[in-house]
Amino acid sequence: MSQSPKKRGRPRKVDIANEGGEHWADKLVRLYSEGASDVEVCAELKLSNRQFLSKERDDPVFAELVEFGRLASKAWWMQIGRKAAKLGSPAQAFNFWSANMKNRFGWNDKTEISEGRTTDSLSTDEIKSKLNKLKDKIASLPSNAEMKALLDE
């Protein structure tokens, strides 16, 4: 059996590895579907972060696969949490999962938003004034005819 001649020339700079016969796109989707992060995908495809970002910016097919992959990864992690909650996993498992979701997907605990003063520090007249202003705003909206009827009662 004769071997094919070696390819001549310099290898492409951003040529995505195709080891083991698995196409890079299949590998990318598989990894994300197993909950992998961008960093894990880069490592498996043997890409630097700079190459990954460049390919994502310049190649619309790659960008679309990465976008779908990130969604698949998030879905995988959410499924893990749902299944763990259903099975009544220990608190340590939930704490790990929660911390992972916060770090990986930007989740956070409930945040309080205030406009400076709380209702506790307002006088009764100030509260009534704010409520009347809100009622006037709601009543002025044309799509809220039912709400306007309720406010007039």
C-alpha atoms as a PDB file:
ATOM      1  CA  MET A   1       0.000   0.000   0.000  1.00  0.00           C
ATOM      2  CA  SER A   2       1.422   3.369  -0.952  1.00  0.00           C
ATOM      3  CA  GLN A   3       1.037   6.334   1.335  1.00  0.00           C
ATOM      4  CA  SER A   4      -0.171   9.643   0.009  1.00  0.00           C
ATOM      5  CA  PRO A   5       2.547  12.264  -0.201  1.00  0.00           C
ATOM      6  CA  LYS A   6       2.871  14.751   2.635  1.00  0.00           C
ATOM      7  CA  LYS A   7       1.145  18.070   2.153  1.00  0.00           C
ATOM      8  CA  ARG A   8       3.585  20.776   1.245  1.00  0.00           C
ATOM      9  CA  GLY A   9       3.700  24.231   2.693  1.00  0.00           C
ATOM     10  CA  ARG A  10       3.091  25.796   6.028  1.00  0.00           C
ATOM     11  CA  PRO A  11       0.002  24.665   7.977  1.00  0.00           C
ATOM     12  CA  ARG A  12      -2.815  27.175   8.290  1.00  0.00           C
ATOM     13  CA  LYS A  13      -2.513  29.439  11.291  1.00  0.00           C
ATOM     14  CA  VAL A  14      -6.047  28.985  12.648  1.00  0.00           C
ATOM     15  CA  ASP A  15      -6.649  25.449  11.430  1.00  0.00           C
ATOM     16  CA  ILE A  16      -8.925  23.757  13.950  1.00  0.00           C
ATOM     17  CA  ALA A  17      -7.719  20.319  15.039  1.00  0.00           C
ATOM     18  CA  ASN A  18      -9.545  17.323  13.604  1.00  0.00           C
ATOM     19  CA  GLU A  19      -8.143  14.519  15.722  1.00  0.00           C
ATOM     20  CA  GLY A  20      -9.750  11.130  16.046  1.00  0.00           C
ATOM     21  CA  GLY A  21     -11.833  11.598  12.943  1.00  0.00           C
ATOM     22  CA  GLU A  22     -14.370  13.854  14.703  1.00  0.00           C
ATOM     23  CA  HIS A  23     -15.071  17.050  12.791  1.00  0.00           C
ATOM     24  CA  TRP A  24     -14.355  20.223  14.752  1.00  0.00           C
ATOM     25  CA  ALA A  25     -17.981  21.381  14.506  1.00  0.00           C
ATOM     26  CA  ASP A  26     -19.272  18.073  15.892  1.00  0.00           C
ATOM     27  CA  LYS A  27     -16.710  18.245  18.695  1.00  0.00           C
ATOM     28  CA  LEU A  28     -17.677  21.836  19.520  1.00  0.00           C
ATOM     29  CA  VAL A  29     -21.390  21.014  19.717  1.00  0.00           C
ATOM     30  CA  ARG A  30     -20.737  17.819  21.700  1.00  0.00           C
ATOM     31  CA  LEU A  31     -18.579  19.618  24.255  1.00  0.00           C
ATOM     32  CA  TYR A  32     -21.036  22.454  24.782  1.00  0.00           C
ATOM     33  CA  SER A  33     -23.903  19.936  25.001  1.00  0.00           C
ATOM     34  CA  GLU A  34     -22.037  18.292  27.884  1.00  0.00           C
ATOM     35  CA  GLY A  35     -21.881  21.640  29.734  1.00  0.00           C
ATOM     36  CA  ALA A  36     -18.397  22.693  28.628  1.00  0.00           C
ATOM     37  CA  SER A  37     -17.233  26.297  28.809  1.00  0.00           C
ATOM     38  CA  ASP A  38     -15.470  28.333  26.121  1.00  0.00           C
ATOM     39  CA  VAL A  39     -12.150  27.594  27.830  1.00  0.00           C
ATOM     40  CA  GLU A  40     -12.740  23.836  27.687  1.00  0.00           C
ATOM     41  CA  VAL A  41     -13.749  24.072  24.022  1.00  0.00           C
ATOM     42  CA  CYS A  42     -10.584  26.054  23.240  1.00  0.00           C
ATOM     43  CA  ALA A  43      -8.442  23.439  24.946  1.00  0.00           C
ATOM     44  CA  GLU A  44     -10.099  20.542  23.105  1.00  0.00           C
ATOM     45  CA  LEU A  45      -9.869  22.281  19.722  1.00  0.00           C
ATOM     46  CA  LYS A  46      -6.284  23.329  20.488  1.00  0.00           C
ATOM     47  CA  LEU A  47      -7.045  27.015  19.986  1.00  0.00           C
ATOM     48  CA  SER A  48      -5.759  29.940  21.967  1.00  0.00           C
ATOM     49  CA  ASN A  49      -8.365  32.310  23.350  1.00  0.00           C
ATOM     50  CA  ARG A  50      -7.243  34.912  20.798  1.00  0.00           C
ATOM     51  CA  GLN A  51      -7.700  32.449  17.917  1.00  0.00           C
ATOM     52  CA  PHE A  52     -11.113  31.434  19.267  1.00  0.00           C
ATOM     53  CA  LEU A  53     -12.306  35.040  19.505  1.00  0.00           C
ATOM     54  CA  SER A  54     -10.899  35.875  16.081  1.00  0.00           C
ATOM     55  CA  LYS A  55     -12.605  32.877  14.491  1.00  0.00           C
ATOM     56  CA  GLU A  56     -15.861  33.733  16.265  1.00  0.00           C
ATOM     57  CA  ARG A  57     -15.672  37.306  14.954  1.00  0.00           C
ATOM     58  CA  ASP A  58     -14.672  36.430  11.368  1.00  0.00           C
ATOM     59  CA  ASP A  59     -16.454  33.139  10.663  1.00  0.00           C
ATOM     60  CA  PRO A  60     -20.276  33.362  10.769  1.00  0.00           C
ATOM     61  CA  VAL A  61     -20.714  29.567  10.835  1.00  0.00           C
ATOM     62  CA  PHE A  62     -18.326  29.227  13.766  1.00  0.00           C
ATOM     63  CA  ALA A  63     -20.027  32.148  15.558  1.00  0.00           C
ATOM     64  CA  GLU A  64     -23.452  30.551  15.122  1.00  0.00           C
ATOM     65  CA  LEU A  65     -22.222  27.207  16.433  1.00  0.00           C
ATOM     66  CA  VAL A  66     -20.635  28.900  19.457  1.00  0.00           C
ATOM     67  CA  GLU A  67     -23.839  30.838  20.157  1.00  0.00           C
ATOM     68  CA  PHE A  68     -25.891  27.635  19.992  1.00  0.00           C
ATOM     69  CA  GLY A  69     -23.247  25.828  22.032  1.00  0.00           C
ATOM     70  CA  ARG A  70     -23.349  28.367  24.845  1.00  0.00           C
ATOM     71  CA  LEU A  71     -27.121  27.976  24.979  1.00  0.00           C
ATOM     72  CA  ALA A  72     -26.751  24.173  25.050  1.00  0.00           C
ATOM     73  CA  SER A  73     -24.188  24.437  27.862  1.00  0.00           C
ATOM     74  CA  LYS A  74     -26.479  26.649  29.928  1.00  0.00           C
ATOM     75  CA  ALA A  75     -29.380  24.256  29.321  1.00  0.00           C
ATOM     76  CA  TRP A  76     -27.218  21.320  30.451  1.00  0.00           C
ATOM     77  CA  TRP A  77     -26.316  23.074  33.704  1.00  0.00           C
ATOM     78  CA  MET A  78     -29.922  24.111  34.331  1.00  0.00           C
ATOM     79  CA  GLN A  79     -31.031  20.530  33.764  1.00  0.00           C
ATOM     80  CA  ILE A  80     -28.478  19.364  36.335  1.00  0.00           C
ATOM     81  CA  GLY A  81     -29.946  21.783  38.889  1.00  0.00           C
ATOM     82  CA  ARG A  82     -33.517  20.771  38.095  1.00  0.00           C
ATOM     83  CA  LYS A  83     -32.731  17.068  38.432  1.00  0.00           C
ATOM     84  CA  ALA A  84     -30.802  17.641  41.655  1.00  0.00           C
ATOM     85  CA  ALA A  85     -33.722  19.578  43.126  1.00  0.00           C
ATOM     86  CA  LYS A  86     -36.139  16.823  42.134  1.00  0.00           C
ATOM     87  CA  LEU A  87     -33.968  14.150  43.758  1.00  0.00           C
ATOM     88  CA  GLY A  88     -33.453  16.207  46.911  1.00  0.00           C
ATOM     89  CA  SER A  89     -29.666  16.431  46.627  1.00  0.00           C
ATOM     90  CA  PRO A  90     -27.712  17.579  49.690  1.00  0.00           C
ATOM     91  CA  ALA A  91     -27.172  21.279  50.336  1.00  0.00           C
ATOM     92  CA  GLN A  92     -23.478  21.019  49.421  1.00  0.00           C
ATOM     93  CA  ALA A  93     -24.396  19.927  45.899  1.00  0.00           C
ATOM     94  CA  PHE A  94     -26.807  22.843  45.571  1.00  0.00           C
ATOM     95  CA  ASN A  95     -24.199  25.298  46.867  1.00  0.00           C
ATOM     96  CA  PHE A  96     -21.688  24.050  44.278  1.00  0.00           C
ATOM     97  CA  TRP A  97     -24.271  24.249  41.486  1.00  0.00           C
ATOM     98  CA  SER A  98     -25.421  27.717  42.560  1.00  0.00           C
ATOM     99  CA  ALA A  99     -21.854  29.070  42.743  1.00  0.00           C
ATOM    100  CA  ASN A 100     -21.150  27.577  39.310  1.00  0.00           C
ATOM    101  CA  MET A 101     -24.225  29.264  37.801  1.00  0.00           C
ATOM    102  CA  LYS A 102     -23.297  32.600  39.378  1.00  0.00           C
ATOM    103  CA  ASN A 103     -19.738  32.462  38.058  1.00  0.00           C
ATOM    104  CA  ARG A 104     -20.454  30.925  34.670  1.00  0.00           C
ATOM    105  CA  PHE A 105     -23.676  32.667  33.665  1.00  0.00           C
ATOM    106  CA  GLY A 106     -23.691  35.849  35.744  1.00  0.00           C
ATOM    107  CA  TRP A 107     -26.454  34.804  38.102  1.00  0.00           C
ATOM    108  CA  ASN A 108     -26.694  36.638  41.397  1.00  0.00           C
ATOM    109  CA  ASP A 109     -28.673  36.665  44.580  1.00  0.00           C
ATOM    110  CA  LYS A 110     -31.615  38.995  44.930  1.00  0.00           C
ATOM    111  CA  THR A 111     -30.537  42.602  44.844  1.00  0.00           C
ATOM    112  CA  GLU A 112     -32.400  45.458  46.416  1.00  0.00           C
ATOM    113  CA  ILE A 113     -32.936  48.583  44.368  1.00  0.00           C
ATOM    114  CA  SER A 114     -33.881  51.755  46.164  1.00  0.00           C
ATOM    115  CA  GLU A 115     -34.456  55.289  45.011  1.00  0.00           C
ATOM    116  CA  GLY A 116     -32.702  56.778  47.988  1.00  0.00           C
ATOM    117  CA  ARG A 117     -35.562  56.907  50.485  1.00  0.00           C
ATOM    118  CA  THR A 118     -37.599  53.965  51.652  1.00  0.00           C
ATOM    119  CA  THR A 119     -41.328  54.137  52.250  1.00  0.00           C
ATOM    120  CA  ASP A 120     -40.609  53.946  55.992  1.00  0.00           C
ATOM    121  CA  SER A 121     -39.022  57.406  55.890  1.00  0.00           C
ATOM    122  CA  LEU A 122     -41.858  58.989  53.858  1.00  0.00           C
ATOM    123  CA  SER A 123     -44.755  60.775  55.451  1.00  0.00           C
ATOM    124  CA  THR A 124     -48.332  59.676  54.770  1.00  0.00           C
ATOM    125  CA  ASP A 125     -48.893  62.716  52.541  1.00  0.00           C
ATOM    126  CA  GLU A 126     -45.794  61.905  50.469  1.00  0.00           C
ATOM    127  CA  ILE A 127     -46.934  58.310  49.983  1.00  0.00           C
ATOM    128  CA  LYS A 128     -50.435  59.454  48.923  1.00  0.00           C
ATOM    129  CA  SER A 129     -48.890  61.948  46.511  1.00  0.00           C
ATOM    130  CA  LYS A 130     -46.704  59.258  44.909  1.00  0.00           C
ATOM    131  CA  LEU A 131     -49.680  56.914  44.630  1.00  0.00           C
ATOM    132  CA  ASN A 132     -51.791  59.616  42.961  1.00  0.00           C
ATOM    133  CA  LYS A 133     -49.008  60.317  40.449  1.00  0.00           C
ATOM    134  CA  LEU A 134     -48.812  56.591  39.644  1.00  0.00           C
ATOM    135  CA  LYS A 135     -52.590  56.407  39.258  1.00  0.00           C
ATOM    136  CA  ASP A 136     -52.492  59.370  36.867  1.00  0.00           C
ATOM    137  CA  LYS A 137     -49.768  57.698  34.799  1.00  0.00           C
ATOM    138  CA  ILE A 138     -51.693  54.440  34.605  1.00  0.00           C
ATOM    139  CA  ALA A 139     -54.954  56.200  33.783  1.00  0.00           C
ATOM    140  CA  SER A 140     -53.303  58.084  30.919  1.00  0.00           C
ATOM    141  CA  LEU A 141     -52.267  54.889  29.144  1.00  0.00           C
ATOM    142  CA  PRO A 142     -54.787  54.137  26.377  1.00  0.00           C
ATOM    143  CA  SER A 143     -54.238  50.380  26.526  1.00  0.00           C
ATOM    144  CA  ASN A 144     -55.235  50.243  30.176  1.00  0.00           C
ATOM    145  CA  ALA A 145     -58.952  50.987  29.871  1.00  0.00           C
ATOM    146  CA  GLU A 146     -59.829  48.226  32.341  1.00  0.00           C
ATOM    147  CA  MET A 147     -57.287  49.497  34.844  1.00  0.00           C
ATOM    148  CA  LYS A 148     -58.666  53.024  34.527  1.00  0.00           C
ATOM    149  CA  ALA A 149     -62.143  51.733  35.367  1.00  0.00           C
ATOM    150  CA  LEU A 150     -60.763  50.008  38.476  1.00  0.00           C
ATOM    151  CA  LEU A 151     -58.945  53.140  39.628  1.00  0.00           C
ATOM    152  CA  ASP A 152     -62.077  55.271  39.329  1.00  0.00           C
ATOM    153  CA  GLU A 153     -63.935  53.078  41.824  1.00  0.00           C
END
